[in-house]
Structure formats: C-alpha cells, structure tokens
Amino acid sequence: MPNLTVNGVTHAIDADPDMPLLWVLRDRLDATGTKYGCGIAQCGACTVHLDGQPVRACQTKVGDVGAAQVTTIEGVSGRVAEAVQAAWRKLDVVQCGYCQSGQIMSAIGLLSGNATPSDADIDGAMDGNICRCGTYQRIRAAIHEAARSLA
C-alpha cells in the first residue's frame, strides 16, 4: 500500500486498498475525532477533507486516496477553520457533540468556496449531516457568524 498523507504527515499504511479510510484513520492512525455513524455515507459523522473537499470517510476506500491530502478534524487549520470553530464556541452549537466534527468539516468546506452563503447554500452543503440533537438552527447561525467574521 502506498503512503497516506493525513494532516500533513505521511504514513506508511499496511491496509487492504478496499478498507474504508475511516477505519485507517481511527484504527491505524488514532485519529478518533472522525466518527463512525452509519457506515453508508448518510449521516456525515465521518466527514473529512480530501484535497480540501468534504468526503465521507466511511465510503472512501483508502486505495482510492492516492496522493491526495487527507485532513481530519484534528488537523484543520487556517482562517476559515478558526472562524468556524470560534463561531461554534460563541453560539454554543454543540449539544451531545457526536456529529460535530463532521458538521464542522462540512461547514469549513462550504465557507472555503463560498464566503457569503445563503440559507439555501448552507442547507445544501450541510445536507447529509445528521444531528440527533437537532442543533440545525444553531449550526446555520454559526455558519453565518463565521462568514461575517471572514468578511
């Protein structure tokens, strides 16, 4: 298996190429901020960035990653990531917290490409990120807050 670059660090991974990226991250690299939710890419708890784009790690085969850069919640950084994280704290978005790493990764992906999202843009980008606690209004408000802080 070729090397895998996660959060800027290259790792030699001995794994079946068909193994989901999620299990490599959690079980081989101890990047446990990326959560297992459903295993069928429907809940968003496992969202990571692959070359800056949000993907579901539970359905991304490690053999398909190639030379792409993987970023997990543990490795996000930069102006957009800091704005999103600050907005999450300011508006007290988190309730139980289980889905929040995936929510944050999707929000960073959105704001990295759209600095002034509408509610419809947010709903579209966050579709497929399920929050059992129902913090959707706080999530949307935090994305708007982060966007304002980036302006």
N, C-alpha and C. Protein backbone atom coordinates (compact mmCIF):
# COMPACT_ATOMS: atom_id res chain seq x y z
N MET A 1 0.85 -1.17 0.00
CA MET A 1 0.00 0.00 0.00
C MET A 1 0.89 1.24 0.00
N PRO A 2 0.58 2.20 -0.82
CA PRO A 2 1.38 3.42 -0.83
C PRO A 2 1.17 4.24 0.44
N ASN A 3 1.93 5.32 0.53
CA ASN A 3 1.83 6.20 1.68
C ASN A 3 0.52 6.97 1.67
N LEU A 4 0.11 7.40 2.86
CA LEU A 4 -1.10 8.19 3.03
C LEU A 4 -0.72 9.43 3.82
N THR A 5 -1.05 10.61 3.30
CA THR A 5 -0.74 11.85 3.99
C THR A 5 -1.99 12.35 4.70
N VAL A 6 -1.90 12.40 6.02
CA VAL A 6 -3.01 12.82 6.87
C VAL A 6 -2.53 13.97 7.75
N ASN A 7 -3.24 15.08 7.67
CA ASN A 7 -2.91 16.26 8.47
C ASN A 7 -1.45 16.67 8.31
N GLY A 8 -0.96 16.55 7.07
CA GLY A 8 0.39 16.99 6.75
C GLY A 8 1.49 16.01 7.08
N VAL A 9 1.15 14.85 7.63
CA VAL A 9 2.15 13.85 7.99
C VAL A 9 1.95 12.62 7.10
N THR A 10 3.03 12.15 6.50
CA THR A 10 2.95 10.98 5.63
C THR A 10 3.16 9.71 6.46
N HIS A 11 2.26 8.76 6.23
CA HIS A 11 2.28 7.49 6.96
C HIS A 11 2.38 6.34 5.97
N ALA A 12 3.20 5.35 6.30
CA ALA A 12 3.21 4.10 5.54
C ALA A 12 2.09 3.24 6.11
N ILE A 13 1.11 2.95 5.30
CA ILE A 13 -0.06 2.22 5.77
C ILE A 13 -0.08 0.83 5.14
N ASP A 14 -0.18 -0.17 5.99
CA ASP A 14 -0.33 -1.55 5.51
C ASP A 14 -1.80 -1.92 5.70
N ALA A 15 -2.58 -1.69 4.65
CA ALA A 15 -4.02 -1.96 4.72
C ALA A 15 -4.51 -2.40 3.35
N ASP A 16 -5.55 -3.19 3.36
CA ASP A 16 -6.21 -3.58 2.12
C ASP A 16 -6.70 -2.31 1.43
N PRO A 17 -6.45 -2.16 0.14
CA PRO A 17 -6.89 -0.95 -0.57
C PRO A 17 -8.41 -0.72 -0.51
N ASP A 18 -9.18 -1.76 -0.25
CA ASP A 18 -10.63 -1.63 -0.15
C ASP A 18 -11.10 -1.21 1.25
N MET A 19 -10.17 -1.11 2.20
CA MET A 19 -10.55 -0.71 3.56
C MET A 19 -11.04 0.73 3.54
N PRO A 20 -12.15 1.01 4.21
CA PRO A 20 -12.60 2.40 4.29
C PRO A 20 -11.56 3.29 4.98
N LEU A 21 -11.40 4.47 4.45
CA LEU A 21 -10.48 5.45 5.02
C LEU A 21 -10.79 5.68 6.50
N LEU A 22 -12.06 5.66 6.86
CA LEU A 22 -12.46 5.86 8.26
C LEU A 22 -11.72 4.92 9.19
N TRP A 23 -11.64 3.64 8.83
CA TRP A 23 -11.02 2.66 9.73
C TRP A 23 -9.50 2.84 9.77
N VAL A 24 -8.90 3.26 8.67
CA VAL A 24 -7.47 3.55 8.70
C VAL A 24 -7.21 4.72 9.64
N LEU A 25 -8.02 5.76 9.52
CA LEU A 25 -7.85 6.94 10.38
C LEU A 25 -8.02 6.57 11.85
N ARG A 26 -9.11 5.90 12.17
CA ARG A 26 -9.42 5.62 13.57
C ARG A 26 -8.56 4.51 14.16
N ASP A 27 -8.43 3.40 13.43
CA ASP A 27 -7.78 2.21 13.99
C ASP A 27 -6.27 2.16 13.78
N ARG A 28 -5.79 2.73 12.70
CA ARG A 28 -4.36 2.66 12.42
C ARG A 28 -3.62 3.94 12.81
N LEU A 29 -4.32 5.09 12.70
CA LEU A 29 -3.65 6.37 12.96
C LEU A 29 -4.16 7.07 14.22
N ASP A 30 -5.12 6.48 14.90
CA ASP A 30 -5.67 7.01 16.15
C ASP A 30 -6.26 8.41 15.98
N ALA A 31 -6.79 8.70 14.80
CA ALA A 31 -7.46 9.98 14.55
C ALA A 31 -8.95 9.76 14.84
N THR A 32 -9.28 9.73 16.11
CA THR A 32 -10.62 9.33 16.53
C THR A 32 -11.64 10.47 16.55
N GLY A 33 -11.24 11.67 16.14
CA GLY A 33 -12.20 12.76 16.02
C GLY A 33 -13.17 12.52 14.88
N THR A 34 -12.75 11.74 13.90
CA THR A 34 -13.61 11.35 12.79
C THR A 34 -14.45 10.19 13.29
N LYS A 35 -15.76 10.37 13.29
CA LYS A 35 -16.66 9.41 13.94
C LYS A 35 -17.30 8.43 12.96
N TYR A 36 -17.62 7.26 13.46
CA TYR A 36 -18.44 6.29 12.74
C TYR A 36 -19.88 6.57 13.13
N GLY A 37 -20.73 6.75 12.13
CA GLY A 37 -22.14 6.97 12.40
C GLY A 37 -23.00 5.88 11.81
N CYS A 38 -23.01 5.83 10.47
CA CYS A 38 -23.93 4.90 9.81
C CYS A 38 -23.21 3.90 8.92
N GLY A 39 -22.05 4.24 8.41
CA GLY A 39 -21.31 3.35 7.54
C GLY A 39 -21.76 3.37 6.09
N ILE A 40 -22.78 4.18 5.76
CA ILE A 40 -23.29 4.23 4.39
C ILE A 40 -23.32 5.65 3.82
N ALA A 41 -22.52 6.53 4.39
CA ALA A 41 -22.36 7.91 3.91
C ALA A 41 -23.65 8.72 3.96
N GLN A 42 -24.50 8.43 4.93
CA GLN A 42 -25.77 9.15 5.02
C GLN A 42 -25.86 10.09 6.22
N CYS A 43 -24.94 9.98 7.19
CA CYS A 43 -25.07 10.79 8.41
C CYS A 43 -24.05 11.92 8.51
N GLY A 44 -22.90 11.80 7.85
CA GLY A 44 -21.90 12.86 7.85
C GLY A 44 -20.94 12.86 9.02
N ALA A 45 -21.09 11.97 9.98
CA ALA A 45 -20.21 11.97 11.15
C ALA A 45 -18.75 11.70 10.79
N CYS A 46 -18.53 11.04 9.66
CA CYS A 46 -17.18 10.66 9.25
C CYS A 46 -16.56 11.63 8.25
N THR A 47 -17.12 12.81 8.09
CA THR A 47 -16.64 13.74 7.07
C THR A 47 -15.21 14.20 7.35
N VAL A 48 -14.37 14.08 6.33
CA VAL A 48 -13.00 14.58 6.34
C VAL A 48 -12.82 15.35 5.04
N HIS A 49 -11.69 16.00 4.88
CA HIS A 49 -11.39 16.68 3.63
C HIS A 49 -10.37 15.87 2.85
N LEU A 50 -10.61 15.73 1.57
CA LEU A 50 -9.68 15.11 0.65
C LEU A 50 -9.30 16.20 -0.34
N ASP A 51 -8.05 16.66 -0.24
CA ASP A 51 -7.60 17.83 -1.01
C ASP A 51 -8.55 19.00 -0.85
N GLY A 52 -9.01 19.22 0.38
CA GLY A 52 -9.84 20.38 0.71
C GLY A 52 -11.33 20.19 0.49
N GLN A 53 -11.74 19.07 -0.07
CA GLN A 53 -13.16 18.83 -0.34
C GLN A 53 -13.74 17.84 0.65
N PRO A 54 -14.90 18.15 1.23
CA PRO A 54 -15.52 17.21 2.17
C PRO A 54 -15.91 15.90 1.49
N VAL A 55 -15.53 14.79 2.12
CA VAL A 55 -15.91 13.45 1.67
C VAL A 55 -16.30 12.63 2.88
N ARG A 56 -17.03 11.57 2.65
CA ARG A 56 -17.41 10.65 3.72
C ARG A 56 -16.36 9.55 3.79
N ALA A 57 -15.64 9.51 4.89
CA ALA A 57 -14.54 8.56 5.05
C ALA A 57 -15.01 7.12 5.14
N CYS A 58 -16.26 6.90 5.52
CA CYS A 58 -16.75 5.53 5.64
C CYS A 58 -16.92 4.87 4.28
N GLN A 59 -17.08 5.66 3.23
CA GLN A 59 -17.28 5.11 1.89
C GLN A 59 -16.14 5.44 0.94
N THR A 60 -15.08 6.05 1.45
CA THR A 60 -13.90 6.34 0.65
C THR A 60 -12.89 5.24 0.91
N LYS A 61 -12.55 4.49 -0.12
CA LYS A 61 -11.58 3.41 0.04
C LYS A 61 -10.18 4.01 0.15
N VAL A 62 -9.40 3.49 1.08
CA VAL A 62 -8.06 4.03 1.28
C VAL A 62 -7.23 3.90 0.00
N GLY A 63 -7.48 2.87 -0.78
CA GLY A 63 -6.76 2.69 -2.04
C GLY A 63 -7.10 3.73 -3.08
N ASP A 64 -8.22 4.42 -2.93
CA ASP A 64 -8.62 5.46 -3.87
C ASP A 64 -8.09 6.85 -3.50
N VAL A 65 -7.49 6.98 -2.33
CA VAL A 65 -7.00 8.28 -1.88
C VAL A 65 -5.79 8.73 -2.69
N GLY A 66 -4.93 7.80 -3.02
CA GLY A 66 -3.74 8.12 -3.82
C GLY A 66 -2.87 9.16 -3.13
N ALA A 67 -2.46 10.17 -3.88
CA ALA A 67 -1.57 11.20 -3.35
C ALA A 67 -2.34 12.37 -2.73
N ALA A 68 -3.64 12.26 -2.65
CA ALA A 68 -4.45 13.36 -2.09
C ALA A 68 -4.11 13.57 -0.62
N GLN A 69 -4.28 14.79 -0.18
CA GLN A 69 -4.06 15.16 1.21
C GLN A 69 -5.36 14.92 1.99
N VAL A 70 -5.29 14.19 3.07
CA VAL A 70 -6.43 13.95 3.95
C VAL A 70 -6.31 14.88 5.15
N THR A 71 -7.39 15.59 5.45
CA THR A 71 -7.42 16.43 6.64
C THR A 71 -8.58 15.99 7.49
N THR A 72 -8.30 15.75 8.76
CA THR A 72 -9.33 15.37 9.72
C THR A 72 -9.60 16.56 10.64
N ILE A 73 -10.58 16.41 11.50
CA ILE A 73 -10.91 17.48 12.46
C ILE A 73 -9.69 17.84 13.31
N GLU A 74 -8.83 16.88 13.57
CA GLU A 74 -7.63 17.14 14.37
C GLU A 74 -6.64 18.03 13.64
N GLY A 75 -6.71 18.07 12.31
CA GLY A 75 -5.71 18.79 11.53
C GLY A 75 -6.19 20.04 10.83
N VAL A 76 -7.48 20.39 10.97
CA VAL A 76 -7.94 21.60 10.27
C VAL A 76 -7.26 22.82 10.87
N SER A 77 -6.93 23.75 9.98
CA SER A 77 -6.29 24.97 10.44
C SER A 77 -6.55 26.05 9.39
N GLY A 78 -6.12 27.24 9.71
CA GLY A 78 -6.28 28.35 8.79
C GLY A 78 -7.45 29.24 9.19
N ARG A 79 -7.57 30.29 8.45
CA ARG A 79 -8.54 31.35 8.76
C ARG A 79 -9.98 30.85 8.79
N VAL A 80 -10.38 30.07 7.79
CA VAL A 80 -11.76 29.59 7.73
C VAL A 80 -12.03 28.62 8.88
N ALA A 81 -11.12 27.69 9.10
CA ALA A 81 -11.30 26.72 10.19
C ALA A 81 -11.40 27.43 11.54
N GLU A 82 -10.55 28.41 11.76
CA GLU A 82 -10.59 29.15 13.02
C GLU A 82 -11.89 29.92 13.18
N ALA A 83 -12.39 30.50 12.09
CA ALA A 83 -13.66 31.24 12.15
C ALA A 83 -14.82 30.31 12.47
N VAL A 84 -14.83 29.14 11.85
CA VAL A 84 -15.91 28.17 12.10
C VAL A 84 -15.85 27.70 13.54
N GLN A 85 -14.68 27.32 14.01
CA GLN A 85 -14.56 26.83 15.37
C GLN A 85 -14.93 27.90 16.39
N ALA A 86 -14.53 29.14 16.14
CA ALA A 86 -14.88 30.24 17.05
C ALA A 86 -16.38 30.48 17.06
N ALA A 87 -17.03 30.41 15.91
CA ALA A 87 -18.48 30.60 15.83
C ALA A 87 -19.20 29.47 16.56
N TRP A 88 -18.70 28.26 16.43
CA TRP A 88 -19.32 27.10 17.13
C TRP A 88 -19.27 27.34 18.64
N ARG A 89 -18.12 27.83 19.12
CA ARG A 89 -18.00 28.09 20.56
C ARG A 89 -18.88 29.27 20.98
N LYS A 90 -18.82 30.34 20.21
CA LYS A 90 -19.57 31.56 20.55
C LYS A 90 -21.06 31.29 20.65
N LEU A 91 -21.60 30.52 19.72
CA LEU A 91 -23.04 30.26 19.69
C LEU A 91 -23.43 28.97 20.41
N ASP A 92 -22.45 28.33 21.05
CA ASP A 92 -22.71 27.13 21.84
C ASP A 92 -23.51 26.10 21.02
N VAL A 93 -23.00 25.79 19.84
CA VAL A 93 -23.70 24.90 18.91
C VAL A 93 -23.82 23.49 19.47
N VAL A 94 -22.78 23.00 20.07
CA VAL A 94 -22.71 21.59 20.44
C VAL A 94 -23.68 21.23 21.55
N GLN A 95 -24.37 20.13 21.35
CA GLN A 95 -25.18 19.57 22.42
C GLN A 95 -24.49 18.28 22.86
N CYS A 96 -24.75 17.15 22.24
CA CYS A 96 -24.02 15.94 22.64
C CYS A 96 -22.63 15.91 22.02
N GLY A 97 -22.49 16.49 20.83
CA GLY A 97 -21.20 16.63 20.19
C GLY A 97 -20.79 15.53 19.23
N TYR A 98 -21.49 14.43 19.19
CA TYR A 98 -21.03 13.29 18.37
C TYR A 98 -20.89 13.66 16.90
N CYS A 99 -21.83 14.38 16.35
CA CYS A 99 -21.81 14.70 14.91
C CYS A 99 -20.97 15.92 14.59
N GLN A 100 -20.52 16.64 15.57
CA GLN A 100 -19.98 17.97 15.33
C GLN A 100 -18.69 18.00 14.52
N SER A 101 -17.84 17.00 14.62
CA SER A 101 -16.63 17.04 13.79
C SER A 101 -17.02 17.00 12.31
N GLY A 102 -17.99 16.17 11.96
CA GLY A 102 -18.46 16.13 10.58
C GLY A 102 -19.16 17.41 10.17
N GLN A 103 -19.94 18.00 11.09
CA GLN A 103 -20.61 19.26 10.80
C GLN A 103 -19.58 20.36 10.54
N ILE A 104 -18.58 20.43 11.38
CA ILE A 104 -17.54 21.45 11.24
C ILE A 104 -16.76 21.27 9.95
N MET A 105 -16.42 20.03 9.61
CA MET A 105 -15.68 19.77 8.37
C MET A 105 -16.50 20.18 7.16
N SER A 106 -17.80 19.91 7.18
CA SER A 106 -18.66 20.33 6.06
C SER A 106 -18.79 21.85 6.00
N ALA A 107 -18.91 22.50 7.16
CA ALA A 107 -19.02 23.96 7.20
C ALA A 107 -17.74 24.61 6.68
N ILE A 108 -16.59 24.09 7.04
CA ILE A 108 -15.32 24.62 6.55
C ILE A 108 -15.25 24.45 5.03
N GLY A 109 -15.67 23.30 4.56
CA GLY A 109 -15.69 23.07 3.11
C GLY A 109 -16.57 24.08 2.40
N LEU A 110 -17.74 24.36 2.95
CA LEU A 110 -18.65 25.34 2.36
C LEU A 110 -18.01 26.72 2.33
N LEU A 111 -17.55 27.20 3.47
CA LEU A 111 -17.03 28.56 3.56
C LEU A 111 -15.70 28.74 2.82
N SER A 112 -15.01 27.67 2.57
CA SER A 112 -13.77 27.76 1.80
C SER A 112 -14.06 28.10 0.34
N GLY A 113 -15.25 27.74 -0.12
CA GLY A 113 -15.61 28.02 -1.50
C GLY A 113 -16.69 29.07 -1.67
N ASN A 114 -17.36 29.44 -0.58
CA ASN A 114 -18.47 30.39 -0.65
C ASN A 114 -18.46 31.22 0.63
N ALA A 115 -17.90 32.40 0.55
CA ALA A 115 -17.71 33.24 1.74
C ALA A 115 -19.00 33.91 2.21
N THR A 116 -20.03 33.91 1.39
CA THR A 116 -21.30 34.55 1.77
C THR A 116 -22.48 33.63 1.43
N PRO A 117 -22.57 32.50 2.10
CA PRO A 117 -23.63 31.54 1.76
C PRO A 117 -25.01 32.00 2.21
N SER A 118 -26.00 31.70 1.40
CA SER A 118 -27.40 31.92 1.77
C SER A 118 -27.85 30.73 2.63
N ASP A 119 -29.03 30.84 3.21
CA ASP A 119 -29.58 29.70 3.94
C ASP A 119 -29.67 28.47 3.04
N ALA A 120 -30.07 28.68 1.79
CA ALA A 120 -30.19 27.56 0.84
C ALA A 120 -28.81 26.94 0.56
N ASP A 121 -27.78 27.77 0.45
CA ASP A 121 -26.42 27.26 0.25
C ASP A 121 -26.00 26.41 1.45
N ILE A 122 -26.28 26.92 2.63
CA ILE A 122 -25.92 26.19 3.85
C ILE A 122 -26.68 24.88 3.91
N ASP A 123 -27.97 24.93 3.66
CA ASP A 123 -28.77 23.70 3.70
C ASP A 123 -28.24 22.67 2.70
N GLY A 124 -27.86 23.12 1.51
CA GLY A 124 -27.33 22.21 0.51
C GLY A 124 -26.00 21.60 0.92
N ALA A 125 -25.11 22.43 1.44
CA ALA A 125 -23.78 21.95 1.83
C ALA A 125 -23.85 21.04 3.05
N MET A 126 -24.80 21.30 3.92
CA MET A 126 -24.90 20.53 5.17
C MET A 126 -25.84 19.33 5.04
N ASP A 127 -26.51 19.21 3.89
CA ASP A 127 -27.41 18.08 3.67
C ASP A 127 -26.64 16.77 3.82
N GLY A 128 -27.18 15.87 4.57
CA GLY A 128 -26.49 14.61 4.81
C GLY A 128 -25.66 14.61 6.08
N ASN A 129 -25.63 15.73 6.78
CA ASN A 129 -25.01 15.78 8.11
C ASN A 129 -26.15 15.76 9.11
N ILE A 130 -26.30 14.65 9.76
CA ILE A 130 -27.42 14.47 10.69
C ILE A 130 -26.99 14.79 12.11
N CYS A 131 -27.85 15.53 12.80
CA CYS A 131 -27.64 15.85 14.21
C CYS A 131 -28.83 15.30 14.99
N ARG A 132 -28.59 14.28 15.78
CA ARG A 132 -29.68 13.68 16.57
C ARG A 132 -30.27 14.67 17.56
N CYS A 133 -29.46 15.63 17.99
CA CYS A 133 -29.93 16.60 18.98
C CYS A 133 -30.72 17.74 18.34
N GLY A 134 -30.68 17.84 17.03
CA GLY A 134 -31.46 18.86 16.34
C GLY A 134 -30.91 20.26 16.44
N THR A 135 -29.59 20.41 16.42
CA THR A 135 -28.99 21.74 16.55
C THR A 135 -28.86 22.46 15.21
N TYR A 136 -29.69 22.12 14.26
CA TYR A 136 -29.57 22.66 12.91
C TYR A 136 -29.65 24.19 12.86
N GLN A 137 -30.53 24.78 13.66
CA GLN A 137 -30.63 26.25 13.65
C GLN A 137 -29.36 26.89 14.18
N ARG A 138 -28.77 26.30 15.22
CA ARG A 138 -27.52 26.83 15.76
C ARG A 138 -26.37 26.62 14.78
N ILE A 139 -26.39 25.49 14.07
CA ILE A 139 -25.36 25.23 13.06
C ILE A 139 -25.44 26.29 11.96
N ARG A 140 -26.63 26.54 11.45
CA ARG A 140 -26.80 27.54 10.39
C ARG A 140 -26.36 28.91 10.91
N ALA A 141 -26.77 29.27 12.10
CA ALA A 141 -26.40 30.57 12.67
C ALA A 141 -24.88 30.67 12.82
N ALA A 142 -24.23 29.59 13.22
CA ALA A 142 -22.78 29.61 13.39
C ALA A 142 -22.07 29.76 12.04
N ILE A 143 -22.62 29.15 11.01
CA ILE A 143 -22.00 29.31 9.68
C ILE A 143 -22.13 30.76 9.23
N HIS A 144 -23.28 31.36 9.44
CA HIS A 144 -23.44 32.79 9.10
C HIS A 144 -22.49 33.64 9.93
N GLU A 145 -22.35 33.33 11.21
CA GLU A 145 -21.43 34.07 12.09
C GLU A 145 -19.99 33.94 11.58
N ALA A 146 -19.58 32.74 11.23
CA ALA A 146 -18.23 32.54 10.72
C ALA A 146 -18.02 33.32 9.43
N ALA A 147 -19.04 33.30 8.55
CA ALA A 147 -18.94 34.05 7.29
C ALA A 147 -18.76 35.54 7.56
N ARG A 148 -19.53 36.08 8.50
CA ARG A 148 -19.41 37.51 8.84
C ARG A 148 -18.01 37.82 9.37
N SER A 149 -17.47 36.94 10.16
CA SER A 149 -16.14 37.20 10.74
C SER A 149 -15.04 37.13 9.68
N LEU A 150 -15.31 36.46 8.58
CA LEU A 150 -14.33 36.35 7.50
C LEU A 150 -14.39 37.52 6.53
N ALA A 151 -15.50 38.27 6.59
CA ALA A 151 -15.70 39.38 5.64
C ALA A 151 -14.73 40.53 5.89
